[in-house]
Amino acid sequence: FEWALAAWLGVEALTTLTSVSPRMSVFGDRYQY
């Protein structure tokens, strides 16, 4: 479970780096954060 959780967070970080808006991907949008 901890490995799967780490993988999920790793994907979250990687897709944030490649995001069309990295800042929005870090802090979240105005509705959901």
PDB file of all heavy atoms in Angstrom:
ATOM      1  N   PHE A   1       0.827  -1.201   0.000  1.00  0.00           N
ATOM      2  CA  PHE A   1       0.000   0.000   0.000  1.00  0.00           C
ATOM      3  C   PHE A   1       0.863   1.254   0.000  1.00  0.00           C
ATOM      4  O   PHE A   1       0.571   2.229  -0.712  1.00  0.00           O
ATOM      5  CB  PHE A   1      -0.927  -0.005   1.213  1.00  0.00           C
ATOM      6  CG  PHE A   1      -1.733   1.255   1.375  1.00  0.00           C
ATOM      7  CD1 PHE A   1      -2.813   1.513   0.550  1.00  0.00           C
ATOM      8  CD2 PHE A   1      -1.407   2.189   2.351  1.00  0.00           C
ATOM      9  CE1 PHE A   1      -3.562   2.679   0.695  1.00  0.00           C
ATOM     10  CE2 PHE A   1      -2.138   3.349   2.501  1.00  0.00           C
ATOM     11  CZ  PHE A   1      -3.223   3.588   1.673  1.00  0.00           C
ATOM     12  N   GLU A   2       1.925   1.248   0.784  1.00  0.00           N
ATOM     13  CA  GLU A   2       2.803   2.416   0.828  1.00  0.00           C
ATOM     14  C   GLU A   2       3.516   2.622  -0.497  1.00  0.00           C
ATOM     15  O   GLU A   2       3.700   3.770  -0.943  1.00  0.00           O
ATOM     16  CB  GLU A   2       3.805   2.250   1.970  1.00  0.00           C
ATOM     17  CG  GLU A   2       3.150   2.359   3.343  1.00  0.00           C
ATOM     18  CD  GLU A   2       4.044   1.909   4.465  1.00  0.00           C
ATOM     19  OE1 GLU A   2       5.060   1.221   4.183  1.00  0.00           O
ATOM     20  OE2 GLU A   2       3.747   2.226   5.632  1.00  0.00           O
ATOM     21  N   TRP A   3       3.909   1.538  -1.159  1.00  0.00           N
ATOM     22  CA  TRP A   3       4.510   1.671  -2.489  1.00  0.00           C
ATOM     23  C   TRP A   3       3.507   2.248  -3.481  1.00  0.00           C
ATOM     24  O   TRP A   3       3.849   3.121  -4.293  1.00  0.00           O
ATOM     25  CB  TRP A   3       5.000   0.312  -2.985  1.00  0.00           C
ATOM     26  CG  TRP A   3       6.330  -0.117  -2.433  1.00  0.00           C
ATOM     27  CD1 TRP A   3       6.594  -1.218  -1.668  1.00  0.00           C
ATOM     28  CD2 TRP A   3       7.595   0.538  -2.619  1.00  0.00           C
ATOM     29  NE1 TRP A   3       7.931  -1.290  -1.342  1.00  0.00           N
ATOM     30  CE2 TRP A   3       8.572  -0.222  -1.925  1.00  0.00           C
ATOM     31  CE3 TRP A   3       7.996   1.689  -3.291  1.00  0.00           C
ATOM     32  CZ2 TRP A   3       9.909   0.136  -1.887  1.00  0.00           C
ATOM     33  CZ3 TRP A   3       9.349   2.052  -3.261  1.00  0.00           C
ATOM     34  CH2 TRP A   3      10.277   1.277  -2.572  1.00  0.00           C
ATOM     35  N   ALA A   4       2.269   1.750  -3.451  1.00  0.00           N
ATOM     36  CA  ALA A   4       1.244   2.252  -4.369  1.00  0.00           C
ATOM     37  C   ALA A   4       0.929   3.715  -4.097  1.00  0.00           C
ATOM     38  O   ALA A   4       0.722   4.510  -5.023  1.00  0.00           O
ATOM     39  CB  ALA A   4      -0.028   1.402  -4.249  1.00  0.00           C
ATOM     40  N   LEU A   5       0.915   4.084  -2.809  1.00  0.00           N
ATOM     41  CA  LEU A   5       0.660   5.476  -2.440  1.00  0.00           C
ATOM     42  C   LEU A   5       1.797   6.370  -2.936  1.00  0.00           C
ATOM     43  O   LEU A   5       1.560   7.470  -3.461  1.00  0.00           O
ATOM     44  CB  LEU A   5       0.525   5.570  -0.925  1.00  0.00           C
ATOM     45  CG  LEU A   5      -0.289   6.716  -0.336  1.00  0.00           C
ATOM     46  CD1 LEU A   5      -1.720   6.664  -0.842  1.00  0.00           C
ATOM     47  CD2 LEU A   5      -0.276   6.636   1.188  1.00  0.00           C
ATOM     48  N   ALA A   6       3.034   5.894  -2.794  1.00  0.00           N
ATOM     49  CA  ALA A   6       4.186   6.659  -3.273  1.00  0.00           C
ATOM     50  C   ALA A   6       4.159   6.796  -4.791  1.00  0.00           C
ATOM     51  O   ALA A   6       4.490   7.862  -5.339  1.00  0.00           O
ATOM     52  CB  ALA A   6       5.477   5.981  -2.824  1.00  0.00           C
ATOM     53  N   ALA A   7       3.741   5.730  -5.481  1.00  0.00           N
ATOM     54  CA  ALA A   7       3.653   5.796  -6.942  1.00  0.00           C
ATOM     55  C   ALA A   7       2.601   6.803  -7.376  1.00  0.00           C
ATOM     56  O   ALA A   7       2.809   7.564  -8.336  1.00  0.00           O
ATOM     57  CB  ALA A   7       3.329   4.409  -7.503  1.00  0.00           C
ATOM     58  N   TRP A   8       1.473   6.802  -6.680  1.00  0.00           N
ATOM     59  CA  TRP A   8       0.416   7.761  -6.999  1.00  0.00           C
ATOM     60  C   TRP A   8       0.908   9.200  -6.812  1.00  0.00           C
ATOM     61  O   TRP A   8       0.666  10.070  -7.667  1.00  0.00           O
ATOM     62  CB  TRP A   8      -0.793   7.482  -6.106  1.00  0.00           C
ATOM     63  CG  TRP A   8      -1.918   8.463  -6.250  1.00  0.00           C
ATOM     64  CD1 TRP A   8      -2.565   8.820  -7.396  1.00  0.00           C
ATOM     65  CD2 TRP A   8      -2.510   9.238  -5.202  1.00  0.00           C
ATOM     66  NE1 TRP A   8      -3.538   9.747  -7.122  1.00  0.00           N
ATOM     67  CE2 TRP A   8      -3.529  10.022  -5.790  1.00  0.00           C
ATOM     68  CE3 TRP A   8      -2.304   9.315  -3.824  1.00  0.00           C
ATOM     69  CZ2 TRP A   8      -4.318  10.893  -5.035  1.00  0.00           C
ATOM     70  CZ3 TRP A   8      -3.098  10.178  -3.080  1.00  0.00           C
ATOM     71  CH2 TRP A   8      -4.086  10.952  -3.687  1.00  0.00           C
ATOM     72  N   LEU A   9       1.616   9.457  -5.705  1.00  0.00           N
ATOM     73  CA  LEU A   9       2.147  10.800  -5.487  1.00  0.00           C
ATOM     74  C   LEU A   9       3.227  11.153  -6.511  1.00  0.00           C
ATOM     75  O   LEU A   9       3.347  12.299  -6.930  1.00  0.00           O
ATOM     76  CB  LEU A   9       2.720  10.903  -4.073  1.00  0.00           C
ATOM     77  CG  LEU A   9       1.739  11.239  -2.953  1.00  0.00           C
ATOM     78  CD1 LEU A   9       2.479  11.334  -1.629  1.00  0.00           C
ATOM     79  CD2 LEU A   9       1.003  12.528  -3.248  1.00  0.00           C
ATOM     80  N   GLY A  10       4.026  10.149  -6.903  1.00  0.00           N
ATOM     81  CA  GLY A  10       5.036  10.391  -7.924  1.00  0.00           C
ATOM     82  C   GLY A  10       4.427  10.803  -9.245  1.00  0.00           C
ATOM     83  O   GLY A  10       4.907  11.731  -9.919  1.00  0.00           O
ATOM     84  N   VAL A  11       3.348  10.131  -9.634  1.00  0.00           N
ATOM     85  CA  VAL A  11       2.640  10.493 -10.860  1.00  0.00           C
ATOM     86  C   VAL A  11       2.046  11.890 -10.727  1.00  0.00           C
ATOM     87  O   VAL A  11       2.083  12.696 -11.667  1.00  0.00           O
ATOM     88  CB  VAL A  11       1.550   9.458 -11.176  1.00  0.00           C
ATOM     89  CG1 VAL A  11       0.624   9.955 -12.280  1.00  0.00           C
ATOM     90  CG2 VAL A  11       2.179   8.131 -11.573  1.00  0.00           C
ATOM     91  N   GLU A  12       1.502  12.184  -9.548  1.00  0.00           N
ATOM     92  CA  GLU A  12       0.937  13.523  -9.309  1.00  0.00           C
ATOM     93  C   GLU A  12       2.006  14.598  -9.486  1.00  0.00           C
ATOM     94  O   GLU A  12       1.763  15.642 -10.108  1.00  0.00           O
ATOM     95  CB  GLU A  12       0.353  13.572  -7.898  1.00  0.00           C
ATOM     96  CG  GLU A  12      -0.543  14.750  -7.625  1.00  0.00           C
ATOM     97  CD  GLU A  12      -1.932  14.597  -8.203  1.00  0.00           C
ATOM     98  OE1 GLU A  12      -2.340  13.456  -8.491  1.00  0.00           O
ATOM     99  OE2 GLU A  12      -2.602  15.631  -8.387  1.00  0.00           O
ATOM    100  N   ALA A  13       3.207  14.352  -8.951  1.00  0.00           N
ATOM    101  CA  ALA A  13       4.290  15.325  -9.077  1.00  0.00           C
ATOM    102  C   ALA A  13       4.781  15.440 -10.513  1.00  0.00           C
ATOM    103  O   ALA A  13       5.042  16.548 -11.019  1.00  0.00           O
ATOM    104  CB  ALA A  13       5.443  14.928  -8.153  1.00  0.00           C
ATOM    105  N   LEU A  14       4.898  14.304 -11.187  1.00  0.00           N
ATOM    106  CA  LEU A  14       5.389  14.315 -12.565  1.00  0.00           C
ATOM    107  C   LEU A  14       4.422  15.033 -13.497  1.00  0.00           C
ATOM    108  O   LEU A  14       4.832  15.837 -14.344  1.00  0.00           O
ATOM    109  CB  LEU A  14       5.620  12.879 -13.041  1.00  0.00           C
ATOM    110  CG  LEU A  14       6.241  12.703 -14.429  1.00  0.00           C
ATOM    111  CD1 LEU A  14       7.584  13.413 -14.511  1.00  0.00           C
ATOM    112  CD2 LEU A  14       6.386  11.220 -14.759  1.00  0.00           C
ATOM    113  N   THR A  15       3.132  14.748 -13.353  1.00  0.00           N
ATOM    114  CA  THR A  15       2.144  15.416 -14.210  1.00  0.00           C
ATOM    115  C   THR A  15       2.006  16.892 -13.854  1.00  0.00           C
ATOM    116  O   THR A  15       1.583  17.695 -14.695  1.00  0.00           O
ATOM    117  CB  THR A  15       0.775  14.719 -14.094  1.00  0.00           C
ATOM    118  OG1 THR A  15       0.386  14.647 -12.712  1.00  0.00           O
ATOM    119  CG2 THR A  15       0.835  13.323 -14.672  1.00  0.00           C
ATOM    120  N   THR A  16       2.371  17.264 -12.633  1.00  0.00           N
ATOM    121  CA  THR A  16       2.390  18.687 -12.282  1.00  0.00           C
ATOM    122  C   THR A  16       3.528  19.403 -13.007  1.00  0.00           C
ATOM    123  O   THR A  16       3.367  20.523 -13.504  1.00  0.00           O
ATOM    124  CB  THR A  16       2.553  18.852 -10.761  1.00  0.00           C
ATOM    125  OG1 THR A  16       1.401  18.316 -10.104  1.00  0.00           O
ATOM    126  CG2 THR A  16       2.704  20.314 -10.375  1.00  0.00           C
ATOM    127  N   LEU A  17       4.679  18.737 -13.104  1.00  0.00           N
ATOM    128  CA  LEU A  17       5.820  19.332 -13.815  1.00  0.00           C
ATOM    129  C   LEU A  17       5.530  19.534 -15.298  1.00  0.00           C
ATOM    130  O   LEU A  17       5.990  20.507 -15.905  1.00  0.00           O
ATOM    131  CB  LEU A  17       7.056  18.449 -13.642  1.00  0.00           C
ATOM    132  CG  LEU A  17       7.686  18.413 -12.246  1.00  0.00           C
ATOM    133  CD1 LEU A  17       8.811  17.396 -12.200  1.00  0.00           C
ATOM    134  CD2 LEU A  17       8.192  19.798 -11.857  1.00  0.00           C
ATOM    135  N   THR A  18       4.776  18.607 -15.895  1.00  0.00           N
ATOM    136  CA  THR A  18       4.477  18.685 -17.329  1.00  0.00           C
ATOM    137  C   THR A  18       3.146  19.373 -17.609  1.00  0.00           C
ATOM    138  O   THR A  18       2.689  19.395 -18.743  1.00  0.00           O
ATOM    139  CB  THR A  18       4.438  17.273 -17.920  1.00  0.00           C
ATOM    140  OG1 THR A  18       3.413  16.505 -17.263  1.00  0.00           O
ATOM    141  CG2 THR A  18       5.777  16.575 -17.745  1.00  0.00           C
ATOM    142  N   SER A  19       2.521  19.935 -16.583  1.00  0.00           N
ATOM    143  CA  SER A  19       1.195  20.532 -16.708  1.00  0.00           C
ATOM    144  C   SER A  19       1.200  21.750 -17.620  1.00  0.00           C
ATOM    145  O   SER A  19       2.217  22.442 -17.762  1.00  0.00           O
ATOM    146  CB  SER A  19       0.681  20.924 -15.324  1.00  0.00           C
ATOM    147  OG  SER A  19      -0.497  21.695 -15.413  1.00  0.00           O
ATOM    148  N   VAL A  20       0.044  22.027 -18.210  1.00  0.00           N
ATOM    149  CA  VAL A  20      -0.102  23.254 -18.999  1.00  0.00           C
ATOM    150  C   VAL A  20      -0.090  24.475 -18.089  1.00  0.00           C
ATOM    151  O   VAL A  20       0.131  25.597 -18.562  1.00  0.00           O
ATOM    152  CB  VAL A  20      -1.401  23.218 -19.824  1.00  0.00           C
ATOM    153  CG1 VAL A  20      -1.385  22.072 -20.820  1.00  0.00           C
ATOM    154  CG2 VAL A  20      -2.634  23.102 -18.915  1.00  0.00           C
ATOM    155  N   SER A  21      -0.324  24.269 -16.788  1.00  0.00           N
ATOM    156  CA  SER A  21      -0.232  25.343 -15.796  1.00  0.00           C
ATOM    157  C   SER A  21       0.284  24.750 -14.490  1.00  0.00           C
ATOM    158  O   SER A  21      -0.501  24.366 -13.617  1.00  0.00           O
ATOM    159  CB  SER A  21      -1.603  26.006 -15.572  1.00  0.00           C
ATOM    160  OG  SER A  21      -1.529  26.973 -14.536  1.00  0.00           O
ATOM    161  N   PRO A  22       1.602  24.636 -14.334  1.00  0.00           N
ATOM    162  CA  PRO A  22       2.157  24.024 -13.124  1.00  0.00           C
ATOM    163  C   PRO A  22       1.682  24.681 -11.836  1.00  0.00           C
ATOM    164  O   PRO A  22       1.458  24.000 -10.833  1.00  0.00           O
ATOM    165  CB  PRO A  22       3.666  24.186 -13.317  1.00  0.00           C
ATOM    166  CG  PRO A  22       3.844  24.256 -14.805  1.00  0.00           C
ATOM    167  CD  PRO A  22       2.647  24.996 -15.301  1.00  0.00           C
ATOM    168  N   ARG A  23       1.539  25.984 -11.840  1.00  0.00           N
ATOM    169  CA  ARG A  23       1.089  26.662 -10.613  1.00  0.00           C
ATOM    170  C   ARG A  23      -0.307  26.202 -10.219  1.00  0.00           C
ATOM    171  O   ARG A  23      -0.575  25.929  -9.047  1.00  0.00           O
ATOM    172  CB  ARG A  23       1.099  28.173 -10.835  1.00  0.00           C
ATOM    173  CG  ARG A  23       0.705  28.974  -9.594  1.00  0.00           C
ATOM    174  CD  ARG A  23       0.738  30.479  -9.858  1.00  0.00           C
ATOM    175  NE  ARG A  23       0.400  31.230  -8.656  1.00  0.00           N
ATOM    176  CZ  ARG A  23      -0.830  31.464  -8.231  1.00  0.00           C
ATOM    177  NH1 ARG A  23      -1.857  30.969  -8.933  1.00  0.00           N
ATOM    178  NH2 ARG A  23      -1.060  32.151  -7.138  1.00  0.00           N
ATOM    179  N   MET A  24      -1.216  26.122 -11.188  1.00  0.00           N
ATOM    180  CA  MET A  24      -2.568  25.657 -10.888  1.00  0.00           C
ATOM    181  C   MET A  24      -2.540  24.205 -10.431  1.00  0.00           C
ATOM    182  O   MET A  24      -3.310  23.803  -9.541  1.00  0.00           O
ATOM    183  CB  MET A  24      -3.467  25.811 -12.111  1.00  0.00           C
ATOM    184  CG  MET A  24      -4.904  25.352 -11.890  1.00  0.00           C
ATOM    185  SD  MET A  24      -5.966  25.657 -13.334  1.00  0.00           S
ATOM    186  CE  MET A  24      -6.138  27.446 -13.223  1.00  0.00           C
ATOM    187  N   SER A  25      -1.673  23.411 -11.005  1.00  0.00           N
ATOM    188  CA  SER A  25      -1.599  22.001 -10.617  1.00  0.00           C
ATOM    189  C   SER A  25      -1.050  21.819  -9.212  1.00  0.00           C
ATOM    190  O   SER A  25      -1.365  20.832  -8.550  1.00  0.00           O
ATOM    191  CB  SER A  25      -0.727  21.232 -11.623  1.00  0.00           C
ATOM    192  OG  SER A  25      -1.351  21.180 -12.886  1.00  0.00           O
ATOM    193  N   VAL A  26      -0.244  22.742  -8.747  1.00  0.00           N
ATOM    194  CA  VAL A  26       0.274  22.660  -7.375  1.00  0.00           C
ATOM    195  C   VAL A  26      -0.793  23.075  -6.375  1.00  0.00           C
ATOM    196  O   VAL A  26      -1.073  22.371  -5.399  1.00  0.00           O
ATOM    197  CB  VAL A  26       1.528  23.536  -7.210  1.00  0.00           C
ATOM    198  CG1 VAL A  26       1.913  23.643  -5.730  1.00  0.00           C
ATOM    199  CG2 VAL A  26       2.681  22.961  -8.007  1.00  0.00           C
ATOM    200  N   PHE A  27      -1.428  24.221  -6.609  1.00  0.00           N
ATOM    201  CA  PHE A  27      -2.339  24.791  -5.615  1.00  0.00           C
ATOM    202  C   PHE A  27      -3.801  24.421  -5.853  1.00  0.00           C
ATOM    203  O   PHE A  27      -4.608  24.523  -4.930  1.00  0.00           O
ATOM    204  CB  PHE A  27      -2.193  26.320  -5.593  1.00  0.00           C
ATOM    205  CG  PHE A  27      -0.845  26.783  -5.166  1.00  0.00           C
ATOM    206  CD1 PHE A  27       0.089  27.201  -6.102  1.00  0.00           C
ATOM    207  CD2 PHE A  27      -0.488  26.784  -3.826  1.00  0.00           C
ATOM    208  CE1 PHE A  27       1.348  27.629  -5.707  1.00  0.00           C
ATOM    209  CE2 PHE A  27       0.763  27.209  -3.419  1.00  0.00           C
ATOM    210  CZ  PHE A  27       1.691  27.629  -4.357  1.00  0.00           C
ATOM    211  N   GLY A  28      -4.163  23.997  -7.053  1.00  0.00           N
ATOM    212  CA  GLY A  28      -5.535  23.628  -7.329  1.00  0.00           C
ATOM    213  C   GLY A  28      -6.311  24.756  -7.975  1.00  0.00           C
ATOM    214  O   GLY A  28      -5.904  25.918  -7.944  1.00  0.00           O
ATOM    215  N   ASP A  29      -7.470  24.397  -8.576  1.00  0.00           N
ATOM    216  CA  ASP A  29      -8.294  25.408  -9.218  1.00  0.00           C
ATOM    217  C   ASP A  29      -9.162  26.115  -8.181  1.00  0.00           C
ATOM    218  O   ASP A  29      -9.157  25.798  -6.989  1.00  0.00           O
ATOM    219  CB  ASP A  29      -9.159  24.789 -10.323  1.00  0.00           C
ATOM    220  CG  ASP A  29     -10.105  23.722  -9.797  1.00  0.00           C
ATOM    221  OD1 ASP A  29     -10.364  23.716  -8.586  1.00  0.00           O
ATOM    222  OD2 ASP A  29     -10.571  22.899 -10.598  1.00  0.00           O
ATOM    223  N   ARG A  30      -9.954  27.056  -8.629  1.00  0.00           N
ATOM    224  CA  ARG A  30     -10.714  27.901  -7.709  1.00  0.00           C
ATOM    225  C   ARG A  30     -11.893  27.176  -7.075  1.00  0.00           C
ATOM    226  O   ARG A  30     -12.428  27.619  -6.061  1.00  0.00           O
ATOM    227  CB  ARG A  30     -11.244  29.128  -8.463  1.00  0.00           C
ATOM    228  CG  ARG A  30     -12.092  28.757  -9.681  1.00  0.00           C
ATOM    229  CD  ARG A  30     -12.655  29.971 -10.368  1.00  0.00           C
ATOM    230  NE  ARG A  30     -13.411  29.599 -11.561  1.00  0.00           N
ATOM    231  CZ  ARG A  30     -14.266  30.421 -12.173  1.00  0.00           C
ATOM    232  NH1 ARG A  30     -14.460  31.631 -11.695  1.00  0.00           N
ATOM    233  NH2 ARG A  30     -14.906  30.028 -13.255  1.00  0.00           N
ATOM    234  N   TYR A  31     -12.323  26.062  -7.651  1.00  0.00           N
ATOM    235  CA  TYR A  31     -13.496  25.362  -7.141  1.00  0.00           C
ATOM    236  C   TYR A  31     -13.137  24.199  -6.217  1.00  0.00           C
ATOM    237  O   TYR A  31     -13.835  23.941  -5.239  1.00  0.00           O
ATOM    238  CB  TYR A  31     -14.335  24.812  -8.298  1.00  0.00           C
ATOM    239  CG  TYR A  31     -15.073  25.874  -9.075  1.00  0.00           C
ATOM    240  CD1 TYR A  31     -14.733  26.141 -10.396  1.00  0.00           C
ATOM    241  CD2 TYR A  31     -16.101  26.606  -8.494  1.00  0.00           C
ATOM    242  CE1 TYR A  31     -15.405  27.120 -11.115  1.00  0.00           C
ATOM    243  CE2 TYR A  31     -16.768  27.583  -9.206  1.00  0.00           C
ATOM    244  CZ  TYR A  31     -16.425  27.839 -10.526  1.00  0.00           C
ATOM    245  OH  TYR A  31     -17.084  28.807 -11.223  1.00  0.00           O
ATOM    246  N   GLN A  32     -12.073  23.471  -6.526  1.00  0.00           N
ATOM    247  CA  GLN A  32     -11.819  22.220  -5.824  1.00  0.00           C
ATOM    248  C   GLN A  32     -10.517  22.190  -5.031  1.00  0.00           C
ATOM    249  O   GLN A  32     -10.394  21.423  -4.084  1.00  0.00           O
ATOM    250  CB  GLN A  32     -11.810  21.053  -6.830  1.00  0.00           C
ATOM    251  CG  GLN A  32     -13.155  20.851  -7.506  1.00  0.00           C
ATOM    252  CD  GLN A  32     -13.086  19.710  -8.500  1.00  0.00           C
ATOM    253  OE1 GLN A  32     -12.333  19.745  -9.454  1.00  0.00           O
ATOM    254  NE2 GLN A  32     -13.891  18.685  -8.268  1.00  0.00           N
ATOM    255  N   TYR A  33      -9.534  22.996  -5.439  1.00  0.00           N
ATOM    256  CA  TYR A  33      -8.231  22.958  -4.770  1.00  0.00           C
ATOM    257  C   TYR A  33      -7.696  21.533  -4.709  1.00  0.00           C
ATOM    258  O   TYR A  33      -7.150  21.091  -3.701  1.00  0.00           O
ATOM    259  CB  TYR A  33      -8.343  23.534  -3.358  1.00  0.00           C
ATOM    260  CG  TYR A  33      -8.211  25.036  -3.294  1.00  0.00           C
ATOM    261  CD1 TYR A  33      -8.754  25.848  -4.271  1.00  0.00           C
ATOM    262  CD2 TYR A  33      -7.528  25.651  -2.253  1.00  0.00           C
ATOM    263  CE1 TYR A  33      -8.647  27.215  -4.230  1.00  0.00           C
ATOM    264  CE2 TYR A  33      -7.405  27.026  -2.188  1.00  0.00           C
ATOM    265  CZ  TYR A  33      -7.971  27.818  -3.187  1.00  0.00           C
ATOM    266  OH  TYR A  33      -7.846  29.179  -3.135  1.00  0.00           O
TER     267      TYR A  33
END
